[in-house]
Amino acid sequence: MSLEWRKSSYSPNAGDCVEVATGRDVHVRDTKDREAGHITVPAPAWRELLSRLN
């Protein structure tokens, strides 16, 4: 499965950022260490997290 990654709009331009790929689940990785892998979160849990951060 090929994921389409995008940088967080809240990340600075210095490269210290988080990237996400969305689909049935949400995948999150550190831009500075892409080879370390990523975490996968169910989309409903991701939406709940974001709603609590606002």
PDB file of N, CA and C in Angstrom:
ATOM      1  N   MET A   1       0.842  -1.174   0.000  1.00  0.00           N
ATOM      2  CA  MET A   1       0.000   0.000   0.000  1.00  0.00           C
ATOM      3  C   MET A   1       0.888   1.238   0.000  1.00  0.00           C
ATOM      4  N   SER A   2       0.667   2.122  -0.925  1.00  0.00           N
ATOM      5  CA  SER A   2       1.411   3.374  -1.020  1.00  0.00           C
ATOM      6  C   SER A   2       0.610   4.487  -0.333  1.00  0.00           C
ATOM      7  N   LEU A   3       1.255   5.173   0.579  1.00  0.00           N
ATOM      8  CA  LEU A   3       0.587   6.246   1.315  1.00  0.00           C
ATOM      9  C   LEU A   3       0.970   7.595   0.743  1.00  0.00           C
ATOM     10  N   GLU A   4       0.034   8.510   0.700  1.00  0.00           N
ATOM     11  CA  GLU A   4       0.301   9.875   0.254  1.00  0.00           C
ATOM     12  C   GLU A   4       0.457  10.750   1.501  1.00  0.00           C
ATOM     13  N   TRP A   5       1.697  11.090   1.799  1.00  0.00           N
ATOM     14  CA  TRP A   5       2.020  11.840   3.008  1.00  0.00           C
ATOM     15  C   TRP A   5       1.896  13.337   2.762  1.00  0.00           C
ATOM     16  N   ARG A   6       1.461  14.061   3.804  1.00  0.00           N
ATOM     17  CA  ARG A   6       1.434  15.530   3.734  1.00  0.00           C
ATOM     18  C   ARG A   6       1.910  16.082   5.069  1.00  0.00           C
ATOM     19  N   LYS A   7       2.565  17.219   4.985  1.00  0.00           N
ATOM     20  CA  LYS A   7       3.123  17.867   6.172  1.00  0.00           C
ATOM     21  C   LYS A   7       2.032  18.603   6.931  1.00  0.00           C
ATOM     22  N   SER A   8       2.121  18.572   8.227  1.00  0.00           N
ATOM     23  CA  SER A   8       1.171  19.297   9.060  1.00  0.00           C
ATOM     24  C   SER A   8       1.263  20.788   8.798  1.00  0.00           C
ATOM     25  N   SER A   9       0.128  21.443   8.694  1.00  0.00           N
ATOM     26  CA  SER A   9       0.119  22.896   8.483  1.00  0.00           C
ATOM     27  C   SER A   9       0.571  23.646   9.730  1.00  0.00           C
ATOM     28  N   TYR A  10       0.650  22.970  10.866  1.00  0.00           N
ATOM     29  CA  TYR A  10       1.091  23.599  12.106  1.00  0.00           C
ATOM     30  C   TYR A  10       2.596  23.481  12.323  1.00  0.00           C
ATOM     31  N   SER A  11       3.291  22.793  11.424  1.00  0.00           N
ATOM     32  CA  SER A  11       4.725  22.589  11.580  1.00  0.00           C
ATOM     33  C   SER A  11       5.503  23.762  11.005  1.00  0.00           C
ATOM     34  N   PRO A  12       6.627  24.112  11.656  1.00  0.00           N
ATOM     35  CA  PRO A  12       7.466  25.193  11.121  1.00  0.00           C
ATOM     36  C   PRO A  12       8.208  24.725   9.871  1.00  0.00           C
ATOM     37  N   ASN A  13       8.817  25.636   9.166  1.00  0.00           N
ATOM     38  CA  ASN A  13       9.549  25.312   7.944  1.00  0.00           C
ATOM     39  C   ASN A  13      10.932  24.743   8.209  1.00  0.00           C
ATOM     40  N   ALA A  14      11.350  24.663   9.453  1.00  0.00           N
ATOM     41  CA  ALA A  14      12.697  24.206   9.785  1.00  0.00           C
ATOM     42  C   ALA A  14      12.878  22.700   9.630  1.00  0.00           C
ATOM     43  N   GLY A  15      11.844  21.965   9.269  1.00  0.00           N
ATOM     44  CA  GLY A  15      11.982  20.525   9.101  1.00  0.00           C
ATOM     45  C   GLY A  15      11.558  19.722  10.310  1.00  0.00           C
ATOM     46  N   ASP A  16      11.280  20.383  11.421  1.00  0.00           N
ATOM     47  CA  ASP A  16      10.809  19.687  12.617  1.00  0.00           C
ATOM     48  C   ASP A  16       9.297  19.566  12.521  1.00  0.00           C
ATOM     49  N   CYS A  17       8.844  18.530  11.834  1.00  0.00           N
ATOM     50  CA  CYS A  17       7.408  18.465  11.620  1.00  0.00           C
ATOM     51  C   CYS A  17       6.889  17.038  11.645  1.00  0.00           C
ATOM     52  N   VAL A  18       5.612  16.966  11.580  1.00  0.00           N
ATOM     53  CA  VAL A  18       4.889  15.699  11.542  1.00  0.00           C
ATOM     54  C   VAL A  18       4.213  15.600  10.187  1.00  0.00           C
ATOM     55  N   GLU A  19       4.187  14.397   9.638  1.00  0.00           N
ATOM     56  CA  GLU A  19       3.475  14.154   8.393  1.00  0.00           C
ATOM     57  C   GLU A  19       2.355  13.160   8.667  1.00  0.00           C
ATOM     58  N   VAL A  20       1.263  13.306   7.941  1.00  0.00           N
ATOM     59  CA  VAL A  20       0.147  12.375   8.071  1.00  0.00           C
ATOM     60  C   VAL A  20      -0.265  11.864   6.701  1.00  0.00           C
ATOM     61  N   ALA A  21      -0.810  10.674   6.692  1.00  0.00           N
ATOM     62  CA  ALA A  21      -1.423  10.081   5.507  1.00  0.00           C
ATOM     63  C   ALA A  21      -2.775   9.549   5.969  1.00  0.00           C
ATOM     64  N   THR A  22      -3.812   9.894   5.246  1.00  0.00           N
ATOM     65  CA  THR A  22      -5.151   9.506   5.673  1.00  0.00           C
ATOM     66  C   THR A  22      -5.775   8.503   4.716  1.00  0.00           C
ATOM     67  N   GLY A  23      -6.710   7.784   5.241  1.00  0.00           N
ATOM     68  CA  GLY A  23      -7.464   6.770   4.516  1.00  0.00           C
ATOM     69  C   GLY A  23      -8.442   6.186   5.515  1.00  0.00           C
ATOM     70  N   ARG A  24      -8.612   4.888   5.525  1.00  0.00           N
ATOM     71  CA  ARG A  24      -9.448   4.247   6.541  1.00  0.00           C
ATOM     72  C   ARG A  24      -8.878   4.524   7.932  1.00  0.00           C
ATOM     73  N   ASP A  25      -7.560   4.519   8.024  1.00  0.00           N
ATOM     74  CA  ASP A  25      -6.842   4.867   9.249  1.00  0.00           C
ATOM     75  C   ASP A  25      -6.001   6.097   8.977  1.00  0.00           C
ATOM     76  N   VAL A  26      -5.432   6.667  10.037  1.00  0.00           N
ATOM     77  CA  VAL A  26      -4.536   7.812   9.913  1.00  0.00           C
ATOM     78  C   VAL A  26      -3.147   7.341  10.317  1.00  0.00           C
ATOM     79  N   HIS A  27      -2.167   7.650   9.486  1.00  0.00           N
ATOM     80  CA  HIS A  27      -0.777   7.251   9.719  1.00  0.00           C
ATOM     81  C   HIS A  27       0.017   8.523  10.023  1.00  0.00           C
ATOM     82  N   VAL A  28       0.868   8.453  11.044  1.00  0.00           N
ATOM     83  CA  VAL A  28       1.608   9.630  11.500  1.00  0.00           C
ATOM     84  C   VAL A  28       3.086   9.257  11.609  1.00  0.00           C
ATOM     85  N   ARG A  29       3.948  10.151  11.084  1.00  0.00           N
ATOM     86  CA  ARG A  29       5.393   9.906  11.182  1.00  0.00           C
ATOM     87  C   ARG A  29       6.144  11.217  11.396  1.00  0.00           C
ATOM     88  N   ASP A  30       7.377  11.070  11.850  1.00  0.00           N
ATOM     89  CA  ASP A  30       8.289  12.197  12.069  1.00  0.00           C
ATOM     90  C   ASP A  30       9.049  12.444  10.765  1.00  0.00           C
ATOM     91  N   THR A  31       8.977  13.657  10.252  1.00  0.00           N
ATOM     92  CA  THR A  31       9.646  13.987   8.996  1.00  0.00           C
ATOM     93  C   THR A  31      11.158  13.803   9.086  1.00  0.00           C
ATOM     94  N   LYS A  32      11.743  14.063  10.256  1.00  0.00           N
ATOM     95  CA  LYS A  32      13.193  13.949  10.401  1.00  0.00           C
ATOM     96  C   LYS A  32      13.675  12.503  10.396  1.00  0.00           C
ATOM     97  N   ASP A  33      12.788  11.547  10.670  1.00  0.00           N
ATOM     98  CA  ASP A  33      13.206  10.140  10.739  1.00  0.00           C
ATOM     99  C   ASP A  33      12.148   9.252  10.092  1.00  0.00           C
ATOM    100  N   ARG A  34      11.926   9.446   8.814  1.00  0.00           N
ATOM    101  CA  ARG A  34      10.895   8.693   8.080  1.00  0.00           C
ATOM    102  C   ARG A  34      11.153   7.193   8.090  1.00  0.00           C
ATOM    103  N   GLU A  35      12.415   6.802   8.125  1.00  0.00           N
ATOM    104  CA  GLU A  35      12.766   5.383   8.098  1.00  0.00           C
ATOM    105  C   GLU A  35      12.405   4.667   9.399  1.00  0.00           C
ATOM    106  N   ALA A  36      12.117   5.414  10.459  1.00  0.00           N
ATOM    107  CA  ALA A  36      11.759   4.810  11.746  1.00  0.00           C
ATOM    108  C   ALA A  36      10.357   4.215  11.725  1.00  0.00           C
ATOM    109  N   GLY A  37       9.609   4.516  10.679  1.00  0.00           N
ATOM    110  CA  GLY A  37       8.264   3.974  10.587  1.00  0.00           C
ATOM    111  C   GLY A  37       7.216   5.007  10.971  1.00  0.00           C
ATOM    112  N   HIS A  38       6.031   4.529  11.234  1.00  0.00           N
ATOM    113  CA  HIS A  38       4.930   5.419  11.575  1.00  0.00           C
ATOM    114  C   HIS A  38       3.973   4.716  12.523  1.00  0.00           C
ATOM    115  N   ILE A  39       3.103   5.496  13.135  1.00  0.00           N
ATOM    116  CA  ILE A  39       2.050   4.914  13.953  1.00  0.00           C
ATOM    117  C   ILE A  39       0.746   4.990  13.160  1.00  0.00           C
ATOM    118  N   THR A  40      -0.133   4.064  13.425  1.00  0.00           N
ATOM    119  CA  THR A  40      -1.425   4.017  12.761  1.00  0.00           C
ATOM    120  C   THR A  40      -2.515   4.160  13.813  1.00  0.00           C
ATOM    121  N   VAL A  41      -3.433   5.069  13.551  1.00  0.00           N
ATOM    122  CA  VAL A  41      -4.514   5.368  14.490  1.00  0.00           C
ATOM    123  C   VAL A  41      -5.839   5.224  13.741  1.00  0.00           C
ATOM    124  N   PRO A  42      -6.841   4.568  14.332  1.00  0.00           N
ATOM    125  CA  PRO A  42      -8.153   4.517  13.678  1.00  0.00           C
ATOM    126  C   PRO A  42      -8.688   5.939  13.454  1.00  0.00           C
ATOM    127  N   ALA A  43      -9.276   6.186  12.303  1.00  0.00           N
ATOM    128  CA  ALA A  43      -9.755   7.531  11.956  1.00  0.00           C
ATOM    129  C   ALA A  43     -10.692   8.126  13.012  1.00  0.00           C
ATOM    130  N   PRO A  44     -11.643   7.362  13.580  1.00  0.00           N
ATOM    131  CA  PRO A  44     -12.506   7.966  14.611  1.00  0.00           C
ATOM    132  C   PRO A  44     -11.722   8.448  15.838  1.00  0.00           C
ATOM    133  N   ALA A  45     -10.703   7.705  16.229  1.00  0.00           N
ATOM    134  CA  ALA A  45      -9.883   8.117  17.373  1.00  0.00           C
ATOM    135  C   ALA A  45      -9.088   9.378  17.037  1.00  0.00           C
ATOM    136  N   TRP A  46      -8.601   9.483  15.804  1.00  0.00           N
ATOM    137  CA  TRP A  46      -7.859  10.666  15.363  1.00  0.00           C
ATOM    138  C   TRP A  46      -8.761  11.903  15.391  1.00  0.00           C
ATOM    139  N   ARG A  47      -9.990  11.758  14.884  1.00  0.00           N
ATOM    140  CA  ARG A  47     -10.931  12.874  14.898  1.00  0.00           C
ATOM    141  C   ARG A  47     -11.253  13.305  16.329  1.00  0.00           C
ATOM    142  N   GLU A  48     -11.395  12.344  17.210  1.00  0.00           N
ATOM    143  CA  GLU A  48     -11.668  12.654  18.624  1.00  0.00           C
ATOM    144  C   GLU A  48     -10.485  13.413  19.241  1.00  0.00           C
ATOM    145  N   LEU A  49      -9.281  12.975  18.945  1.00  0.00           N
ATOM    146  CA  LEU A  49      -8.095  13.682  19.440  1.00  0.00           C
ATOM    147  C   LEU A  49      -8.085  15.114  18.960  1.00  0.00           C
ATOM    148  N   LEU A  50      -8.288  15.320  17.666  1.00  0.00           N
ATOM    149  CA  LEU A  50      -8.261  16.663  17.118  1.00  0.00           C
ATOM    150  C   LEU A  50      -9.373  17.541  17.692  1.00  0.00           C
ATOM    151  N   SER A  51     -10.538  16.969  17.925  1.00  0.00           N
ATOM    152  CA  SER A  51     -11.641  17.765  18.486  1.00  0.00           C
ATOM    153  C   SER A  51     -11.326  18.219  19.903  1.00  0.00           C
ATOM    154  N   ARG A  52     -10.572  17.421  20.636  1.00  0.00           N
ATOM    155  CA  ARG A  52     -10.213  17.783  22.016  1.00  0.00           C
ATOM    156  C   ARG A  52      -9.071  18.818  22.059  1.00  0.00           C
ATOM    157  N   LEU A  53      -8.312  18.910  20.985  1.00  0.00           N
ATOM    158  CA  LEU A  53      -7.208  19.868  20.938  1.00  0.00           C
ATOM    159  C   LEU A  53      -7.694  21.284  20.585  1.00  0.00           C
ATOM    160  N   ASN A  54      -8.840  21.393  19.972  1.00  0.00           N
ATOM    161  CA  ASN A  54      -9.352  22.716  19.564  1.00  0.00           C
ATOM    162  C   ASN A  54      -9.978  23.451  20.699  1.00  0.00           C
TER     163      ASN A  54
END
